[in-house]
Amino acid sequence: MTKEEMMNAIAGKLKLVNVGVINADSIDDSKIDELTDLYDMVMKRENISPSEMTAITEALGNLRK
């Protein structure tokens, strides 16, 4: 799965309104394993609390170049 596909799936699962904030091109290629782990965790969750959503978006921000 590509970075773009993972980012789109995460944004869809989190129901993010401003998906431009998490642009796949801004994710450092060396952090693809971290993105994959985050993707796997988000996709396994049935429900995501507001505090978890904040933590996930912060984690995505930390993956930027």
N, C-alpha and C. Protein backbone atom coordinates (compact mmCIF):
# COMPACT_ATOMS: atom_id res chain seq x y z
N MET A 1 0.85 -1.17 0.00
CA MET A 1 0.00 0.00 0.00
C MET A 1 0.90 1.24 0.00
N THR A 2 0.51 2.23 -0.76
CA THR A 2 1.32 3.45 -0.85
C THR A 2 1.05 4.40 0.31
N LYS A 3 1.94 5.38 0.47
CA LYS A 3 1.74 6.41 1.51
C LYS A 3 0.41 7.12 1.28
N GLU A 4 0.12 7.44 0.03
CA GLU A 4 -1.12 8.15 -0.30
C GLU A 4 -2.35 7.36 0.10
N GLU A 5 -2.33 6.06 -0.21
CA GLU A 5 -3.46 5.21 0.14
C GLU A 5 -3.65 5.10 1.64
N MET A 6 -2.54 4.95 2.37
CA MET A 6 -2.63 4.88 3.83
C MET A 6 -3.15 6.18 4.41
N MET A 7 -2.64 7.31 3.92
CA MET A 7 -3.07 8.61 4.43
C MET A 7 -4.55 8.85 4.15
N ASN A 8 -5.00 8.49 2.94
CA ASN A 8 -6.41 8.65 2.60
C ASN A 8 -7.30 7.77 3.46
N ALA A 9 -6.86 6.55 3.73
CA ALA A 9 -7.63 5.64 4.57
C ALA A 9 -7.71 6.15 6.01
N ILE A 10 -6.59 6.66 6.53
CA ILE A 10 -6.58 7.21 7.89
C ILE A 10 -7.50 8.42 7.96
N ALA A 11 -7.39 9.32 6.98
CA ALA A 11 -8.24 10.52 6.96
C ALA A 11 -9.71 10.14 6.90
N GLY A 12 -10.03 9.12 6.10
CA GLY A 12 -11.42 8.66 6.00
C GLY A 12 -11.92 8.05 7.30
N LYS A 13 -11.08 7.26 7.93
CA LYS A 13 -11.47 6.62 9.19
C LYS A 13 -11.67 7.66 10.30
N LEU A 14 -10.81 8.70 10.29
CA LEU A 14 -10.92 9.74 11.31
C LEU A 14 -11.96 10.79 10.96
N LYS A 15 -12.49 10.68 9.73
CA LYS A 15 -13.48 11.65 9.24
C LYS A 15 -12.94 13.07 9.32
N LEU A 16 -11.68 13.23 8.88
CA LEU A 16 -11.05 14.54 8.90
C LEU A 16 -11.65 15.44 7.84
N VAL A 17 -11.94 16.67 8.21
CA VAL A 17 -12.52 17.63 7.29
C VAL A 17 -11.42 18.24 6.42
N ASN A 18 -10.32 18.64 7.04
CA ASN A 18 -9.23 19.29 6.33
C ASN A 18 -8.13 18.27 6.04
N VAL A 19 -8.32 17.45 5.01
CA VAL A 19 -7.36 16.41 4.70
C VAL A 19 -6.06 16.95 4.13
N GLY A 20 -6.05 18.20 3.71
CA GLY A 20 -4.84 18.82 3.21
C GLY A 20 -3.77 18.93 4.27
N VAL A 21 -4.17 18.88 5.51
CA VAL A 21 -3.23 18.98 6.63
C VAL A 21 -2.30 17.77 6.65
N ILE A 22 -2.77 16.63 6.17
CA ILE A 22 -1.95 15.42 6.19
C ILE A 22 -1.62 14.99 4.77
N ASN A 23 -0.80 15.74 4.12
CA ASN A 23 -0.38 15.47 2.75
C ASN A 23 0.66 14.35 2.74
N ALA A 24 0.41 13.33 1.95
CA ALA A 24 1.32 12.17 1.89
C ALA A 24 2.71 12.56 1.41
N ASP A 25 2.79 13.56 0.55
CA ASP A 25 4.10 13.99 0.04
C ASP A 25 4.98 14.58 1.13
N SER A 26 4.36 15.03 2.21
CA SER A 26 5.15 15.64 3.29
C SER A 26 5.69 14.60 4.27
N ILE A 27 5.31 13.33 4.09
CA ILE A 27 5.79 12.27 4.98
C ILE A 27 7.17 11.82 4.50
N ASP A 28 8.11 11.83 5.41
CA ASP A 28 9.48 11.40 5.12
C ASP A 28 9.48 9.91 4.78
N ASP A 29 10.12 9.56 3.67
CA ASP A 29 10.17 8.16 3.24
C ASP A 29 10.81 7.24 4.28
N SER A 30 11.70 7.79 5.07
CA SER A 30 12.37 6.97 6.09
C SER A 30 11.42 6.61 7.24
N LYS A 31 10.24 7.22 7.26
CA LYS A 31 9.28 6.96 8.34
C LYS A 31 8.09 6.15 7.87
N ILE A 32 8.25 5.44 6.76
CA ILE A 32 7.15 4.65 6.21
C ILE A 32 6.72 3.54 7.17
N ASP A 33 7.67 2.96 7.91
CA ASP A 33 7.31 1.90 8.86
C ASP A 33 6.43 2.45 9.98
N GLU A 34 6.74 3.67 10.44
CA GLU A 34 5.91 4.30 11.48
C GLU A 34 4.52 4.60 10.94
N LEU A 35 4.44 5.06 9.69
CA LEU A 35 3.14 5.33 9.07
C LEU A 35 2.34 4.04 8.95
N THR A 36 3.01 2.96 8.56
CA THR A 36 2.33 1.66 8.43
C THR A 36 1.80 1.20 9.78
N ASP A 37 2.58 1.35 10.83
CA ASP A 37 2.13 0.97 12.17
C ASP A 37 0.91 1.79 12.59
N LEU A 38 0.96 3.10 12.32
CA LEU A 38 -0.15 3.98 12.67
C LEU A 38 -1.39 3.59 11.86
N TYR A 39 -1.21 3.33 10.59
CA TYR A 39 -2.31 2.90 9.72
C TYR A 39 -2.95 1.62 10.26
N ASP A 40 -2.12 0.63 10.58
CA ASP A 40 -2.64 -0.65 11.10
C ASP A 40 -3.44 -0.44 12.37
N MET A 41 -2.94 0.40 13.27
CA MET A 41 -3.63 0.65 14.54
C MET A 41 -4.98 1.33 14.30
N VAL A 42 -5.00 2.34 13.43
CA VAL A 42 -6.24 3.08 13.16
C VAL A 42 -7.27 2.17 12.49
N MET A 43 -6.84 1.36 11.54
CA MET A 43 -7.79 0.51 10.82
C MET A 43 -8.37 -0.60 11.70
N LYS A 44 -7.66 -1.01 12.73
CA LYS A 44 -8.15 -2.06 13.62
C LYS A 44 -9.20 -1.53 14.61
N ARG A 45 -9.21 -0.23 14.83
CA ARG A 45 -10.11 0.36 15.82
C ARG A 45 -11.52 0.51 15.28
N GLU A 46 -12.49 0.13 16.07
CA GLU A 46 -13.89 0.31 15.70
C GLU A 46 -14.30 1.76 15.93
N ASN A 47 -13.95 2.27 17.10
CA ASN A 47 -14.26 3.66 17.46
C ASN A 47 -12.99 4.35 17.91
N ILE A 48 -12.90 5.64 17.61
CA ILE A 48 -11.74 6.43 18.00
C ILE A 48 -12.24 7.64 18.78
N SER A 49 -11.76 7.77 20.01
CA SER A 49 -12.19 8.88 20.87
C SER A 49 -11.55 10.18 20.39
N PRO A 50 -12.12 11.30 20.79
CA PRO A 50 -11.54 12.59 20.42
C PRO A 50 -10.08 12.74 20.88
N SER A 51 -9.76 12.24 22.06
CA SER A 51 -8.38 12.35 22.53
C SER A 51 -7.44 11.47 21.70
N GLU A 52 -7.93 10.29 21.29
CA GLU A 52 -7.13 9.42 20.42
C GLU A 52 -6.94 10.06 19.06
N MET A 53 -7.98 10.72 18.55
CA MET A 53 -7.89 11.39 17.27
C MET A 53 -6.82 12.48 17.31
N THR A 54 -6.79 13.22 18.41
CA THR A 54 -5.77 14.26 18.58
C THR A 54 -4.38 13.64 18.60
N ALA A 55 -4.22 12.55 19.31
CA ALA A 55 -2.92 11.88 19.38
C ALA A 55 -2.49 11.35 18.01
N ILE A 56 -3.43 10.82 17.26
CA ILE A 56 -3.12 10.29 15.93
C ILE A 56 -2.71 11.41 14.98
N THR A 57 -3.44 12.52 14.99
CA THR A 57 -3.07 13.62 14.10
C THR A 57 -1.72 14.22 14.51
N GLU A 58 -1.43 14.25 15.80
CA GLU A 58 -0.11 14.71 16.25
C GLU A 58 0.98 13.76 15.78
N ALA A 59 0.71 12.46 15.84
CA ALA A 59 1.68 11.46 15.38
C ALA A 59 1.93 11.63 13.88
N LEU A 60 0.86 11.89 13.12
CA LEU A 60 1.03 12.13 11.68
C LEU A 60 1.89 13.37 11.45
N GLY A 61 1.66 14.40 12.23
CA GLY A 61 2.47 15.62 12.12
C GLY A 61 3.94 15.36 12.40
N ASN A 62 4.22 14.44 13.31
CA ASN A 62 5.60 14.12 13.64
C ASN A 62 6.30 13.33 12.54
N LEU A 63 5.54 12.80 11.61
CA LEU A 63 6.13 12.03 10.50
C LEU A 63 6.56 12.92 9.34
N ARG A 64 6.22 14.20 9.42
CA ARG A 64 6.56 15.12 8.32
C ARG A 64 8.06 15.29 8.21
N LYS A 65 8.46 15.66 6.99
CA LYS A 65 9.89 15.92 6.72
C LYS A 65 10.37 17.13 7.46
